[in-house]
Amino acid sequence: MNRVAAGHSRDIQSQASIQPGMKAVLASCALILLGVAFGPAPAQAQWADSFSAGEARTARDKGQVVPLRDIFRQLRQRHGGYQIDANLYDRGGRQVYIIDWMTGKGRRLQVTVDARTGRILS
């Protein structure tokens, strides 16, 4: 091979090779993509044991859980403010409400309540 062709061949090889630092970056990106593709998202894991709106309404109508309005009244007396979000979950056979609450002082709380008794757990 002549000198010009050999020089051109080396240029192509150096352009095609991946720099050492880039290998680590590419490996990290591949691991992240695998984790995203095959690992459960936090929201999905949380929703897996949540009640639908209809299921929660049925549980309330059957007297299996305390109505949210009663729990909201408790929270309003204790913290002031208002409800941002509330969902009913089954945690190992125990129904709990997870309530996002904005206090009268502007502080956001996440409150866990035993849905059968209305007792605030955290």
PDB file of N, CA and C in Angstrom:
ATOM      1  N   MET A   1       0.864  -1.155   0.000  1.00  0.00           N
ATOM      2  CA  MET A   1       0.000   0.000   0.000  1.00  0.00           C
ATOM      3  C   MET A   1       0.911   1.218   0.000  1.00  0.00           C
ATOM      4  N   ASN A   2       0.575   2.220  -0.767  1.00  0.00           N
ATOM      5  CA  ASN A   2       1.415   3.417  -0.804  1.00  0.00           C
ATOM      6  C   ASN A   2       1.147   4.280   0.411  1.00  0.00           C
ATOM      7  N   ARG A   3       2.032   5.315   0.597  1.00  0.00           N
ATOM      8  CA  ARG A   3       1.964   6.151   1.795  1.00  0.00           C
ATOM      9  C   ARG A   3       0.672   6.951   1.888  1.00  0.00           C
ATOM     10  N   VAL A   4       0.151   7.442   0.817  1.00  0.00           N
ATOM     11  CA  VAL A   4      -1.088   8.232   0.845  1.00  0.00           C
ATOM     12  C   VAL A   4      -2.257   7.349   1.248  1.00  0.00           C
ATOM     13  N   ALA A   5      -2.339   6.179   0.669  1.00  0.00           N
ATOM     14  CA  ALA A   5      -3.425   5.253   0.998  1.00  0.00           C
ATOM     15  C   ALA A   5      -3.312   4.811   2.448  1.00  0.00           C
ATOM     16  N   ALA A   6      -2.093   4.562   2.931  1.00  0.00           N
ATOM     17  CA  ALA A   6      -1.907   4.141   4.321  1.00  0.00           C
ATOM     18  C   ALA A   6      -2.326   5.241   5.272  1.00  0.00           C
ATOM     19  N   GLY A   7      -1.985   6.490   4.954  1.00  0.00           N
ATOM     20  CA  GLY A   7      -2.391   7.624   5.802  1.00  0.00           C
ATOM     21  C   GLY A   7      -3.894   7.784   5.832  1.00  0.00           C
ATOM     22  N   HIS A   8      -4.519   7.633   4.685  1.00  0.00           N
ATOM     23  CA  HIS A   8      -5.968   7.751   4.581  1.00  0.00           C
ATOM     24  C   HIS A   8      -6.640   6.626   5.373  1.00  0.00           C
ATOM     25  N   SER A   9      -6.085   5.438   5.322  1.00  0.00           N
ATOM     26  CA  SER A   9      -6.621   4.292   6.041  1.00  0.00           C
ATOM     27  C   SER A   9      -6.572   4.537   7.554  1.00  0.00           C
ATOM     28  N   ARG A  10      -5.454   5.109   8.051  1.00  0.00           N
ATOM     29  CA  ARG A  10      -5.343   5.414   9.481  1.00  0.00           C
ATOM     30  C   ARG A  10      -6.374   6.459   9.893  1.00  0.00           C
ATOM     31  N   ASP A  11      -6.633   7.463   9.044  1.00  0.00           N
ATOM     32  CA  ASP A  11      -7.630   8.487   9.361  1.00  0.00           C
ATOM     33  C   ASP A  11      -9.022   7.882   9.508  1.00  0.00           C
ATOM     34  N   ILE A  12      -9.345   6.990   8.612  1.00  0.00           N
ATOM     35  CA  ILE A  12     -10.660   6.356   8.685  1.00  0.00           C
ATOM     36  C   ILE A  12     -10.762   5.517   9.944  1.00  0.00           C
ATOM     37  N   GLN A  13      -9.724   4.772  10.283  1.00  0.00           N
ATOM     38  CA  GLN A  13      -9.740   3.940  11.486  1.00  0.00           C
ATOM     39  C   GLN A  13      -9.860   4.800  12.739  1.00  0.00           C
ATOM     40  N   SER A  14      -9.157   5.926  12.803  1.00  0.00           N
ATOM     41  CA  SER A  14      -9.221   6.765  14.001  1.00  0.00           C
ATOM     42  C   SER A  14     -10.584   7.431  14.131  1.00  0.00           C
ATOM     43  N   GLN A  15     -11.225   7.757  12.997  1.00  0.00           N
ATOM     44  CA  GLN A  15     -12.555   8.352  13.067  1.00  0.00           C
ATOM     45  C   GLN A  15     -13.590   7.320  13.506  1.00  0.00           C
ATOM     46  N   ALA A  16     -13.386   6.073  13.109  1.00  0.00           N
ATOM     47  CA  ALA A  16     -14.352   5.024  13.424  1.00  0.00           C
ATOM     48  C   ALA A  16     -14.210   4.526  14.861  1.00  0.00           C
ATOM     49  N   SER A  17     -13.045   4.665  15.453  1.00  0.00           N
ATOM     50  CA  SER A  17     -12.870   4.149  16.808  1.00  0.00           C
ATOM     51  C   SER A  17     -13.503   5.099  17.823  1.00  0.00           C
ATOM     52  N   ILE A  18     -13.951   4.518  18.930  1.00  0.00           N
ATOM     53  CA  ILE A  18     -14.588   5.295  19.994  1.00  0.00           C
ATOM     54  C   ILE A  18     -13.521   5.664  21.010  1.00  0.00           C
ATOM     55  N   GLN A  19     -13.528   6.904  21.404  1.00  0.00           N
ATOM     56  CA  GLN A  19     -12.562   7.375  22.388  1.00  0.00           C
ATOM     57  C   GLN A  19     -12.811   6.658  23.712  1.00  0.00           C
ATOM     58  N   PRO A  20     -11.771   6.430  24.530  1.00  0.00           N
ATOM     59  CA  PRO A  20     -11.927   5.682  25.788  1.00  0.00           C
ATOM     60  C   PRO A  20     -12.989   6.275  26.718  1.00  0.00           C
ATOM     61  N   GLY A  21     -13.045   7.580  26.860  1.00  0.00           N
ATOM     62  CA  GLY A  21     -14.033   8.199  27.746  1.00  0.00           C
ATOM     63  C   GLY A  21     -15.454   8.004  27.248  1.00  0.00           C
ATOM     64  N   MET A  22     -15.608   7.941  25.936  1.00  0.00           N
ATOM     65  CA  MET A  22     -16.940   7.765  25.356  1.00  0.00           C
ATOM     66  C   MET A  22     -17.491   6.368  25.619  1.00  0.00           C
ATOM     67  N   LYS A  23     -16.616   5.360  25.739  1.00  0.00           N
ATOM     68  CA  LYS A  23     -17.085   4.003  26.018  1.00  0.00           C
ATOM     69  C   LYS A  23     -17.830   3.959  27.348  1.00  0.00           C
ATOM     70  N   ALA A  24     -17.296   4.635  28.349  1.00  0.00           N
ATOM     71  CA  ALA A  24     -17.944   4.659  29.665  1.00  0.00           C
ATOM     72  C   ALA A  24     -19.281   5.379  29.589  1.00  0.00           C
ATOM     73  N   VAL A  25     -19.335   6.472  28.837  1.00  0.00           N
ATOM     74  CA  VAL A  25     -20.577   7.230  28.696  1.00  0.00           C
ATOM     75  C   VAL A  25     -21.623   6.383  27.984  1.00  0.00           C
ATOM     76  N   LEU A  26     -21.234   5.721  26.906  1.00  0.00           N
ATOM     77  CA  LEU A  26     -22.167   4.871  26.169  1.00  0.00           C
ATOM     78  C   LEU A  26     -22.648   3.700  27.026  1.00  0.00           C
ATOM     79  N   ALA A  27     -21.760   3.103  27.802  1.00  0.00           N
ATOM     80  CA  ALA A  27     -22.152   1.999  28.682  1.00  0.00           C
ATOM     81  C   ALA A  27     -23.147   2.480  29.736  1.00  0.00           C
ATOM     82  N   SER A  28     -22.905   3.662  30.290  1.00  0.00           N
ATOM     83  CA  SER A  28     -23.827   4.221  31.291  1.00  0.00           C
ATOM     84  C   SER A  28     -25.195   4.482  30.677  1.00  0.00           C
ATOM     85  N   CYS A  29     -25.211   5.049  29.480  1.00  0.00           N
ATOM     86  CA  CYS A  29     -26.478   5.330  28.791  1.00  0.00           C
ATOM     87  C   CYS A  29     -27.245   4.036  28.523  1.00  0.00           C
ATOM     88  N   ALA A  30     -26.518   2.991  28.113  1.00  0.00           N
ATOM     89  CA  ALA A  30     -27.167   1.713  27.845  1.00  0.00           C
ATOM     90  C   ALA A  30     -27.795   1.152  29.119  1.00  0.00           C
ATOM     91  N   LEU A  31     -27.096   1.240  30.250  1.00  0.00           N
ATOM     92  CA  LEU A  31     -27.644   0.743  31.514  1.00  0.00           C
ATOM     93  C   LEU A  31     -28.874   1.533  31.942  1.00  0.00           C
ATOM     94  N   ILE A  32     -28.834   2.838  31.758  1.00  0.00           N
ATOM     95  CA  ILE A  32     -29.986   3.677  32.113  1.00  0.00           C
ATOM     96  C   ILE A  32     -31.186   3.304  31.260  1.00  0.00           C
ATOM     97  N   LEU A  33     -30.969   3.130  29.953  1.00  0.00           N
ATOM     98  CA  LEU A  33     -32.076   2.760  29.068  1.00  0.00           C
ATOM     99  C   LEU A  33     -32.664   1.406  29.451  1.00  0.00           C
ATOM    100  N   LEU A  34     -31.817   0.450  29.815  1.00  0.00           N
ATOM    101  CA  LEU A  34     -32.317  -0.853  30.250  1.00  0.00           C
ATOM    102  C   LEU A  34     -33.144  -0.720  31.524  1.00  0.00           C
ATOM    103  N   GLY A  35     -32.679   0.101  32.452  1.00  0.00           N
ATOM    104  CA  GLY A  35     -33.424   0.312  33.694  1.00  0.00           C
ATOM    105  C   GLY A  35     -34.775   0.941  33.448  1.00  0.00           C
ATOM    106  N   VAL A  36     -34.822   1.908  32.549  1.00  0.00           N
ATOM    107  CA  VAL A  36     -36.079   2.568  32.226  1.00  0.00           C
ATOM    108  C   VAL A  36     -37.017   1.606  31.508  1.00  0.00           C
ATOM    109  N   ALA A  37     -36.461   0.809  30.604  1.00  0.00           N
ATOM    110  CA  ALA A  37     -37.290  -0.092  29.811  1.00  0.00           C
ATOM    111  C   ALA A  37     -37.847  -1.255  30.629  1.00  0.00           C
ATOM    112  N   PHE A  38     -37.050  -1.801  31.560  1.00  0.00           N
ATOM    113  CA  PHE A  38     -37.458  -3.012  32.246  1.00  0.00           C
ATOM    114  C   PHE A  38     -37.774  -2.832  33.726  1.00  0.00           C
ATOM    115  N   GLY A  39     -37.442  -1.720  34.315  1.00  0.00           N
ATOM    116  CA  GLY A  39     -37.742  -1.486  35.726  1.00  0.00           C
ATOM    117  C   GLY A  39     -39.089  -0.814  35.867  1.00  0.00           C
ATOM    118  N   PRO A  40     -39.808  -1.122  36.945  1.00  0.00           N
ATOM    119  CA  PRO A  40     -41.102  -0.468  37.127  1.00  0.00           C
ATOM    120  C   PRO A  40     -40.916   0.997  37.504  1.00  0.00           C
ATOM    121  N   ALA A  41     -41.689   1.841  36.896  1.00  0.00           N
ATOM    122  CA  ALA A  41     -41.658   3.260  37.252  1.00  0.00           C
ATOM    123  C   ALA A  41     -42.316   3.416  38.615  1.00  0.00           C
ATOM    124  N   PRO A  42     -41.860   4.377  39.442  1.00  0.00           N
ATOM    125  CA  PRO A  42     -42.467   4.552  40.762  1.00  0.00           C
ATOM    126  C   PRO A  42     -43.975   4.736  40.709  1.00  0.00           C
ATOM    127  N   ALA A  43     -44.438   5.505  39.758  1.00  0.00           N
ATOM    128  CA  ALA A  43     -45.880   5.737  39.659  1.00  0.00           C
ATOM    129  C   ALA A  43     -46.609   4.443  39.313  1.00  0.00           C
ATOM    130  N   GLN A  44     -46.043   3.620  38.440  1.00  0.00           N
ATOM    131  CA  GLN A  44     -46.684   2.369  38.084  1.00  0.00           C
ATOM    132  C   GLN A  44     -46.755   1.450  39.297  1.00  0.00           C
ATOM    133  N   ALA A  45     -45.683   1.379  40.059  1.00  0.00           N
ATOM    134  CA  ALA A  45     -45.672   0.530  41.239  1.00  0.00           C
ATOM    135  C   ALA A  45     -46.712   1.012  42.244  1.00  0.00           C
ATOM    136  N   GLN A  46     -46.870   2.304  42.372  1.00  0.00           N
ATOM    137  CA  GLN A  46     -47.831   2.855  43.316  1.00  0.00           C
ATOM    138  C   GLN A  46     -49.255   2.594  42.833  1.00  0.00           C
ATOM    139  N   TRP A  47     -49.526   2.712  41.538  1.00  0.00           N
ATOM    140  CA  TRP A  47     -50.874   2.549  41.011  1.00  0.00           C
ATOM    141  C   TRP A  47     -51.331   1.106  41.010  1.00  0.00           C
ATOM    142  N   ALA A  48     -50.389   0.171  41.084  1.00  0.00           N
ATOM    143  CA  ALA A  48     -50.742  -1.234  41.003  1.00  0.00           C
ATOM    144  C   ALA A  48     -51.713  -1.636  42.116  1.00  0.00           C
ATOM    145  N   ASP A  49     -51.665  -0.992  43.265  1.00  0.00           N
ATOM    146  CA  ASP A  49     -52.522  -1.361  44.383  1.00  0.00           C
ATOM    147  C   ASP A  49     -53.535  -0.269  44.724  1.00  0.00           C
ATOM    148  N   SER A  50     -53.786   0.623  43.774  1.00  0.00           N
ATOM    149  CA  SER A  50     -54.734   1.703  44.047  1.00  0.00           C
ATOM    150  C   SER A  50     -56.146   1.295  43.618  1.00  0.00           C
ATOM    151  N   PHE A  51     -57.105   1.882  44.266  1.00  0.00           N
ATOM    152  CA  PHE A  51     -58.507   1.665  43.933  1.00  0.00           C
ATOM    153  C   PHE A  51     -58.887   2.625  42.817  1.00  0.00           C
ATOM    154  N   SER A  52     -59.728   2.192  41.923  1.00  0.00           N
ATOM    155  CA  SER A  52     -60.285   3.106  40.929  1.00  0.00           C
ATOM    156  C   SER A  52     -61.288   4.000  41.661  1.00  0.00           C
ATOM    157  N   ALA A  53     -61.718   5.060  41.001  1.00  0.00           N
ATOM    158  CA  ALA A  53     -62.704   5.959  41.620  1.00  0.00           C
ATOM    159  C   ALA A  53     -63.984   5.195  41.938  1.00  0.00           C
ATOM    160  N   GLY A  54     -64.410   4.323  41.045  1.00  0.00           N
ATOM    161  CA  GLY A  54     -65.620   3.535  41.270  1.00  0.00           C
ATOM    162  C   GLY A  54     -65.477   2.565  42.433  1.00  0.00           C
ATOM    163  N   GLU A  55     -64.310   1.915  42.533  1.00  0.00           N
ATOM    164  CA  GLU A  55     -64.061   0.991  43.646  1.00  0.00           C
ATOM    165  C   GLU A  55     -64.045   1.726  44.977  1.00  0.00           C
ATOM    166  N   ALA A  56     -63.435   2.903  44.996  1.00  0.00           N
ATOM    167  CA  ALA A  56     -63.389   3.698  46.229  1.00  0.00           C
ATOM    168  C   ALA A  56     -64.792   4.142  46.629  1.00  0.00           C
ATOM    169  N   ARG A  57     -65.593   4.545  45.654  1.00  0.00           N
ATOM    170  CA  ARG A  57     -66.973   4.977  45.928  1.00  0.00           C
ATOM    171  C   ARG A  57     -67.793   3.803  46.479  1.00  0.00           C
ATOM    172  N   THR A  58     -67.624   2.626  45.894  1.00  0.00           N
ATOM    173  CA  THR A  58     -68.341   1.436  46.365  1.00  0.00           C
ATOM    174  C   THR A  58     -67.933   1.088  47.788  1.00  0.00           C
ATOM    175  N   ALA A  59     -66.634   1.143  48.080  1.00  0.00           N
ATOM    176  CA  ALA A  59     -66.152   0.857  49.440  1.00  0.00           C
ATOM    177  C   ALA A  59     -66.756   1.847  50.430  1.00  0.00           C
ATOM    178  N   ARG A  60     -66.824   3.109  50.048  1.00  0.00           N
ATOM    179  CA  ARG A  60     -67.436   4.119  50.921  1.00  0.00           C
ATOM    180  C   ARG A  60     -68.922   3.845  51.111  1.00  0.00           C
ATOM    181  N   ASP A  61     -69.636   3.546  50.024  1.00  0.00           N
ATOM    182  CA  ASP A  61     -71.077   3.304  50.098  1.00  0.00           C
ATOM    183  C   ASP A  61     -71.412   2.068  50.935  1.00  0.00           C
ATOM    184  N   LYS A  62     -70.518   1.087  50.936  1.00  0.00           N
ATOM    185  CA  LYS A  62     -70.724  -0.134  51.728  1.00  0.00           C
ATOM    186  C   LYS A  62     -70.274   0.044  53.181  1.00  0.00           C
ATOM    187  N   GLY A  63     -69.698   1.210  53.510  1.00  0.00           N
ATOM    188  CA  GLY A  63     -69.244   1.468  54.874  1.00  0.00           C
ATOM    189  C   GLY A  63     -67.903   0.832  55.190  1.00  0.00           C
ATOM    190  N   GLN A  64     -67.174   0.400  54.159  1.00  0.00           N
ATOM    191  CA  GLN A  64     -65.876  -0.237  54.377  1.00  0.00           C
ATOM    192  C   GLN A  64     -64.775   0.775  54.660  1.00  0.00           C
ATOM    193  N   VAL A  65     -64.966   2.014  54.221  1.00  0.00           N
ATOM    194  CA  VAL A  65     -63.989   3.082  54.455  1.00  0.00           C
ATOM    195  C   VAL A  65     -64.721   4.343  54.895  1.00  0.00           C
ATOM    196  N   VAL A  66     -64.018   5.174  55.640  1.00  0.00           N
ATOM    197  CA  VAL A  66     -64.545   6.452  56.104  1.00  0.00           C
ATOM    198  C   VAL A  66     -64.616   7.410  54.907  1.00  0.00           C
ATOM    199  N   PRO A  67     -65.687   8.166  54.767  1.00  0.00           N
ATOM    200  CA  PRO A  67     -65.750   9.133  53.663  1.00  0.00           C
ATOM    201  C   PRO A  67     -64.624  10.170  53.770  1.00  0.00           C
ATOM    202  N   LEU A  68     -64.073  10.539  52.636  1.00  0.00           N
ATOM    203  CA  LEU A  68     -62.989  11.522  52.625  1.00  0.00           C
ATOM    204  C   LEU A  68     -63.400  12.855  53.241  1.00  0.00           C
ATOM    205  N   ARG A  69     -64.649  13.248  53.074  1.00  0.00           N
ATOM    206  CA  ARG A  69     -65.073  14.543  53.629  1.00  0.00           C
ATOM    207  C   ARG A  69     -64.847  14.597  55.134  1.00  0.00           C
ATOM    208  N   ASP A  70     -65.028  13.452  55.822  1.00  0.00           N
ATOM    209  CA  ASP A  70     -64.793  13.406  57.267  1.00  0.00           C
ATOM    210  C   ASP A  70     -63.305  13.573  57.587  1.00  0.00           C
ATOM    211  N   ILE A  71     -62.461  12.952  56.778  1.00  0.00           N
ATOM    212  CA  ILE A  71     -61.015  13.065  56.985  1.00  0.00           C
ATOM    213  C   ILE A  71     -60.547  14.474  56.647  1.00  0.00           C
ATOM    214  N   PHE A  72     -61.094  15.046  55.579  1.00  0.00           N
ATOM    215  CA  PHE A  72     -60.729  16.422  55.218  1.00  0.00           C
ATOM    216  C   PHE A  72     -61.109  17.393  56.334  1.00  0.00           C
ATOM    217  N   ARG A  73     -62.251  17.157  56.972  1.00  0.00           N
ATOM    218  CA  ARG A  73     -62.678  18.011  58.083  1.00  0.00           C
ATOM    219  C   ARG A  73     -61.643  17.950  59.216  1.00  0.00           C
ATOM    220  N   GLN A  74     -61.172  16.741  59.522  1.00  0.00           N
ATOM    221  CA  GLN A  74     -60.137  16.547  60.546  1.00  0.00           C
ATOM    222  C   GLN A  74     -58.866  17.312  60.189  1.00  0.00           C
ATOM    223  N   LEU A  75     -58.431  17.161  58.947  1.00  0.00           N
ATOM    224  CA  LEU A  75     -57.189  17.819  58.511  1.00  0.00           C
ATOM    225  C   LEU A  75     -57.333  19.340  58.520  1.00  0.00           C
ATOM    226  N   ARG A  76     -58.509  19.828  58.123  1.00  0.00           N
ATOM    227  CA  ARG A  76     -58.746  21.276  58.127  1.00  0.00           C
ATOM    228  C   ARG A  76     -58.682  21.826  59.549  1.00  0.00           C
ATOM    229  N   GLN A  77     -59.246  21.083  60.514  1.00  0.00           N
ATOM    230  CA  GLN A  77     -59.196  21.521  61.909  1.00  0.00           C
ATOM    231  C   GLN A  77     -57.767  21.511  62.444  1.00  0.00           C
ATOM    232  N   ARG A  78     -56.999  20.508  62.039  1.00  0.00           N
ATOM    233  CA  ARG A  78     -55.640  20.354  62.544  1.00  0.00           C
ATOM    234  C   ARG A  78     -54.644  21.285  61.869  1.00  0.00           C
ATOM    235  N   HIS A  79     -54.739  21.444  60.545  1.00  0.00           N
ATOM    236  CA  HIS A  79     -53.721  22.173  59.778  1.00  0.00           C
ATOM    237  C   HIS A  79     -54.241  23.379  59.019  1.00  0.00           C
ATOM    238  N   GLY A  80     -55.559  23.553  58.931  1.00  0.00           N
ATOM    239  CA  GLY A  80     -56.085  24.568  58.025  1.00  0.00           C
ATOM    240  C   GLY A  80     -55.831  24.105  56.594  1.00  0.00           C
ATOM    241  N   GLY A  81     -56.117  24.938  55.641  1.00  0.00           N
ATOM    242  CA  GLY A  81     -55.758  24.635  54.266  1.00  0.00           C
ATOM    243  C   GLY A  81     -56.765  23.784  53.524  1.00  0.00           C
ATOM    244  N   TYR A  82     -56.260  23.024  52.543  1.00  0.00           N
ATOM    245  CA  TYR A  82     -57.139  22.291  51.639  1.00  0.00           C
ATOM    246  C   TYR A  82     -56.428  21.073  51.042  1.00  0.00           C
ATOM    247  N   GLN A  83     -57.247  20.191  50.484  1.00  0.00           N
ATOM    248  CA  GLN A  83     -56.772  18.960  49.870  1.00  0.00           C
ATOM    249  C   GLN A  83     -56.293  19.241  48.446  1.00  0.00           C
ATOM    250  N   ILE A  84     -55.144  18.674  48.103  1.00  0.00           N
ATOM    251  CA  ILE A  84     -54.617  18.778  46.741  1.00  0.00           C
ATOM    252  C   ILE A  84     -54.961  17.520  45.951  1.00  0.00           C
ATOM    253  N   ASP A  85     -54.748  16.351  46.587  1.00  0.00           N
ATOM    254  CA  ASP A  85     -54.999  15.073  45.927  1.00  0.00           C
ATOM    255  C   ASP A  85     -55.288  14.039  47.000  1.00  0.00           C
ATOM    256  N   ALA A  86     -56.060  13.028  46.653  1.00  0.00           N
ATOM    257  CA  ALA A  86     -56.349  11.944  47.595  1.00  0.00           C
ATOM    258  C   ALA A  86     -56.638  10.671  46.820  1.00  0.00           C
ATOM    259  N   ASN A  87     -56.046   9.571  47.259  1.00  0.00           N
ATOM    260  CA  ASN A  87     -56.258   8.279  46.622  1.00  0.00           C
ATOM    261  C   ASN A  87     -56.359   7.195  47.685  1.00  0.00           C
ATOM    262  N   LEU A  88     -57.102   6.146  47.349  1.00  0.00           N
ATOM    263  CA  LEU A  88     -57.282   5.004  48.236  1.00  0.00           C
ATOM    264  C   LEU A  88     -56.407   3.866  47.728  1.00  0.00           C
ATOM    265  N   TYR A  89     -55.622   3.254  48.638  1.00  0.00           N
ATOM    266  CA  TYR A  89     -54.714   2.170  48.289  1.00  0.00           C
ATOM    267  C   TYR A  89     -54.929   0.983  49.203  1.00  0.00           C
ATOM    268  N   ASP A  90     -54.548  -0.174  48.711  1.00  0.00           N
ATOM    269  CA  ASP A  90     -54.516  -1.382  49.529  1.00  0.00           C
ATOM    270  C   ASP A  90     -53.054  -1.655  49.840  1.00  0.00           C
ATOM    271  N   ARG A  91     -52.702  -1.629  51.114  1.00  0.00           N
ATOM    272  CA  ARG A  91     -51.327  -1.885  51.553  1.00  0.00           C
ATOM    273  C   ARG A  91     -51.335  -3.159  52.397  1.00  0.00           C
ATOM    274  N   GLY A  92     -51.152  -4.280  51.735  1.00  0.00           N
ATOM    275  CA  GLY A  92     -51.127  -5.550  52.452  1.00  0.00           C
ATOM    276  C   GLY A  92     -52.444  -5.887  53.133  1.00  0.00           C
ATOM    277  N   GLY A  93     -53.557  -5.645  52.478  1.00  0.00           N
ATOM    278  CA  GLY A  93     -54.865  -5.935  53.050  1.00  0.00           C
ATOM    279  C   GLY A  93     -55.420  -4.816  53.911  1.00  0.00           C
ATOM    280  N   ARG A  94     -54.677  -3.749  54.065  1.00  0.00           N
ATOM    281  CA  ARG A  94     -55.126  -2.601  54.862  1.00  0.00           C
ATOM    282  C   ARG A  94     -55.374  -1.425  53.911  1.00  0.00           C
ATOM    283  N   GLN A  95     -56.593  -0.900  53.924  1.00  0.00           N
ATOM    284  CA  GLN A  95     -56.900   0.243  53.069  1.00  0.00           C
ATOM    285  C   GLN A  95     -56.414   1.528  53.728  1.00  0.00           C
ATOM    286  N   VAL A  96     -55.696   2.334  52.949  1.00  0.00           N
ATOM    287  CA  VAL A  96     -55.220   3.624  53.434  1.00  0.00           C
ATOM    288  C   VAL A  96     -55.491   4.683  52.374  1.00  0.00           C
ATOM    289  N   TYR A  97     -55.767   5.865  52.861  1.00  0.00           N
ATOM    290  CA  TYR A  97     -55.814   7.033  51.986  1.00  0.00           C
ATOM    291  C   TYR A  97     -54.439   7.690  52.026  1.00  0.00           C
ATOM    292  N   ILE A  98     -53.945   8.074  50.870  1.00  0.00           N
ATOM    293  CA  ILE A  98     -52.751   8.913  50.782  1.00  0.00           C
ATOM    294  C   ILE A  98     -53.263  10.260  50.290  1.00  0.00           C
ATOM    295  N   ILE A  99     -53.084  11.278  51.125  1.00  0.00           N
ATOM    296  CA  ILE A  99     -53.663  12.596  50.853  1.00  0.00           C
ATOM    297  C   ILE A  99     -52.551  13.633  50.777  1.00  0.00           C
ATOM    298  N   ASP A 100     -52.530  14.375  49.697  1.00  0.00           N
ATOM    299  CA  ASP A 100     -51.641  15.538  49.589  1.00  0.00           C
ATOM    300  C   ASP A 100     -52.446  16.728  50.080  1.00  0.00           C
ATOM    301  N   TRP A 101     -51.895  17.457  51.053  1.00  0.00           N
ATOM    302  CA  TRP A 101     -52.624  18.529  51.733  1.00  0.00           C
ATOM    303  C   TRP A 101     -51.782  19.796  51.769  1.00  0.00           C
ATOM    304  N   MET A 102     -52.367  20.918  51.459  1.00  0.00           N
ATOM    305  CA  MET A 102     -51.719  22.226  51.579  1.00  0.00           C
ATOM    306  C   MET A 102     -52.233  22.870  52.855  1.00  0.00           C
ATOM    307  N   THR A 103     -51.319  23.137  53.795  1.00  0.00           N
ATOM    308  CA  THR A 103     -51.720  23.714  55.078  1.00  0.00           C
ATOM    309  C   THR A 103     -52.090  25.182  54.897  1.00  0.00           C
ATOM    310  N   GLY A 104     -52.694  25.732  55.935  1.00  0.00           N
ATOM    311  CA  GLY A 104     -53.035  27.151  55.919  1.00  0.00           C
ATOM    312  C   GLY A 104     -51.808  28.053  55.861  1.00  0.00           C
ATOM    313  N   LYS A 105     -50.643  27.499  56.238  1.00  0.00           N
ATOM    314  CA  LYS A 105     -49.393  28.266  56.198  1.00  0.00           C
ATOM    315  C   LYS A 105     -48.610  28.031  54.911  1.00  0.00           C
ATOM    316  N   GLY A 106     -49.233  27.322  53.959  1.00  0.00           N
ATOM    317  CA  GLY A 106     -48.583  27.116  52.668  1.00  0.00           C
ATOM    318  C   GLY A 106     -47.603  25.966  52.613  1.00  0.00           C
ATOM    319  N   ARG A 107     -47.636  25.091  53.589  1.00  0.00           N
ATOM    320  CA  ARG A 107     -46.741  23.926  53.608  1.00  0.00           C
ATOM    321  C   ARG A 107     -47.479  22.718  53.034  1.00  0.00           C
ATOM    322  N   ARG A 108     -46.803  21.993  52.161  1.00  0.00           N
ATOM    323  CA  ARG A 108     -47.416  20.819  51.549  1.00  0.00           C
ATOM    324  C   ARG A 108     -47.090  19.573  52.379  1.00  0.00           C
ATOM    325  N   LEU A 109     -48.129  18.794  52.703  1.00  0.00           N
ATOM    326  CA  LEU A 109     -47.970  17.568  53.477  1.00  0.00           C
ATOM    327  C   LEU A 109     -48.476  16.380  52.677  1.00  0.00           C
ATOM    328  N   GLN A 110     -47.904  15.227  52.935  1.00  0.00           N
ATOM    329  CA  GLN A 110     -48.494  13.983  52.445  1.00  0.00           C
ATOM    330  C   GLN A 110     -48.910  13.208  53.690  1.00  0.00           C
ATOM    331  N   VAL A 111     -50.190  12.943  53.782  1.00  0.00           N
ATOM    332  CA  VAL A 111     -50.768  12.339  54.975  1.00  0.00           C
ATOM    333  C   VAL A 111     -51.277  10.945  54.632  1.00  0.00           C
ATOM    334  N   THR A 112     -50.954   9.967  55.484  1.00  0.00           N
ATOM    335  CA  THR A 112     -51.468   8.612  55.333  1.00  0.00           C
ATOM    336  C   THR A 112     -52.521   8.397  56.417  1.00  0.00           C
ATOM    337  N   VAL A 113     -53.694   7.917  56.003  1.00  0.00           N
ATOM    338  CA  VAL A 113     -54.825   7.743  56.916  1.00  0.00           C
ATOM    339  C   VAL A 113     -55.362   6.334  56.778  1.00  0.00           C
ATOM    340  N   ASP A 114     -55.611   5.680  57.912  1.00  0.00           N
ATOM    341  CA  ASP A 114     -56.276   4.371  57.887  1.00  0.00           C
ATOM    342  C   ASP A 114     -57.699   4.619  57.376  1.00  0.00           C
ATOM    343  N   ALA A 115     -58.011   4.059  56.223  1.00  0.00           N
ATOM    344  CA  ALA A 115     -59.289   4.354  55.570  1.00  0.00           C
ATOM    345  C   ALA A 115     -60.474   3.736  56.292  1.00  0.00           C
ATOM    346  N   ARG A 116     -60.252   2.691  57.067  1.00  0.00           N
ATOM    347  CA  ARG A 116     -61.369   2.049  57.779  1.00  0.00           C
ATOM    348  C   ARG A 116     -61.743   2.797  59.051  1.00  0.00           C
ATOM    349  N   THR A 117     -60.731   3.375  59.724  1.00  0.00           N
ATOM    350  CA  THR A 117     -61.000   4.032  61.012  1.00  0.00           C
ATOM    351  C   THR A 117     -60.969   5.555  60.919  1.00  0.00           C
ATOM    352  N   GLY A 118     -60.283   6.092  59.905  1.00  0.00           N
ATOM    353  CA  GLY A 118     -60.101   7.542  59.799  1.00  0.00           C
ATOM    354  C   GLY A 118     -58.933   8.052  60.625  1.00  0.00           C
ATOM    355  N   ARG A 119     -58.191   7.137  61.266  1.00  0.00           N
ATOM    356  CA  ARG A 119     -57.052   7.535  62.094  1.00  0.00           C
ATOM    357  C   ARG A 119     -55.880   7.955  61.225  1.00  0.00           C
ATOM    358  N   ILE A 120     -55.316   9.124  61.541  1.00  0.00           N
ATOM    359  CA  ILE A 120     -54.155   9.632  60.812  1.00  0.00           C
ATOM    360  C   ILE A 120     -52.932   8.855  61.262  1.00  0.00           C
ATOM    361  N   LEU A 121     -52.250   8.226  60.299  1.00  0.00           N
ATOM    362  CA  LEU A 121     -51.071   7.403  60.599  1.00  0.00           C
ATOM    363  C   LEU A 121     -49.788   8.180  60.484  1.00  0.00           C
ATOM    364  N   SER A 122     -49.737   9.106  59.555  1.00  0.00           N
ATOM    365  CA  SER A 122     -48.534   9.941  59.402  1.00  0.00           C
ATOM    366  C   SER A 122     -48.868  11.220  58.682  1.00  0.00           C
TER     367      SER A 122
END
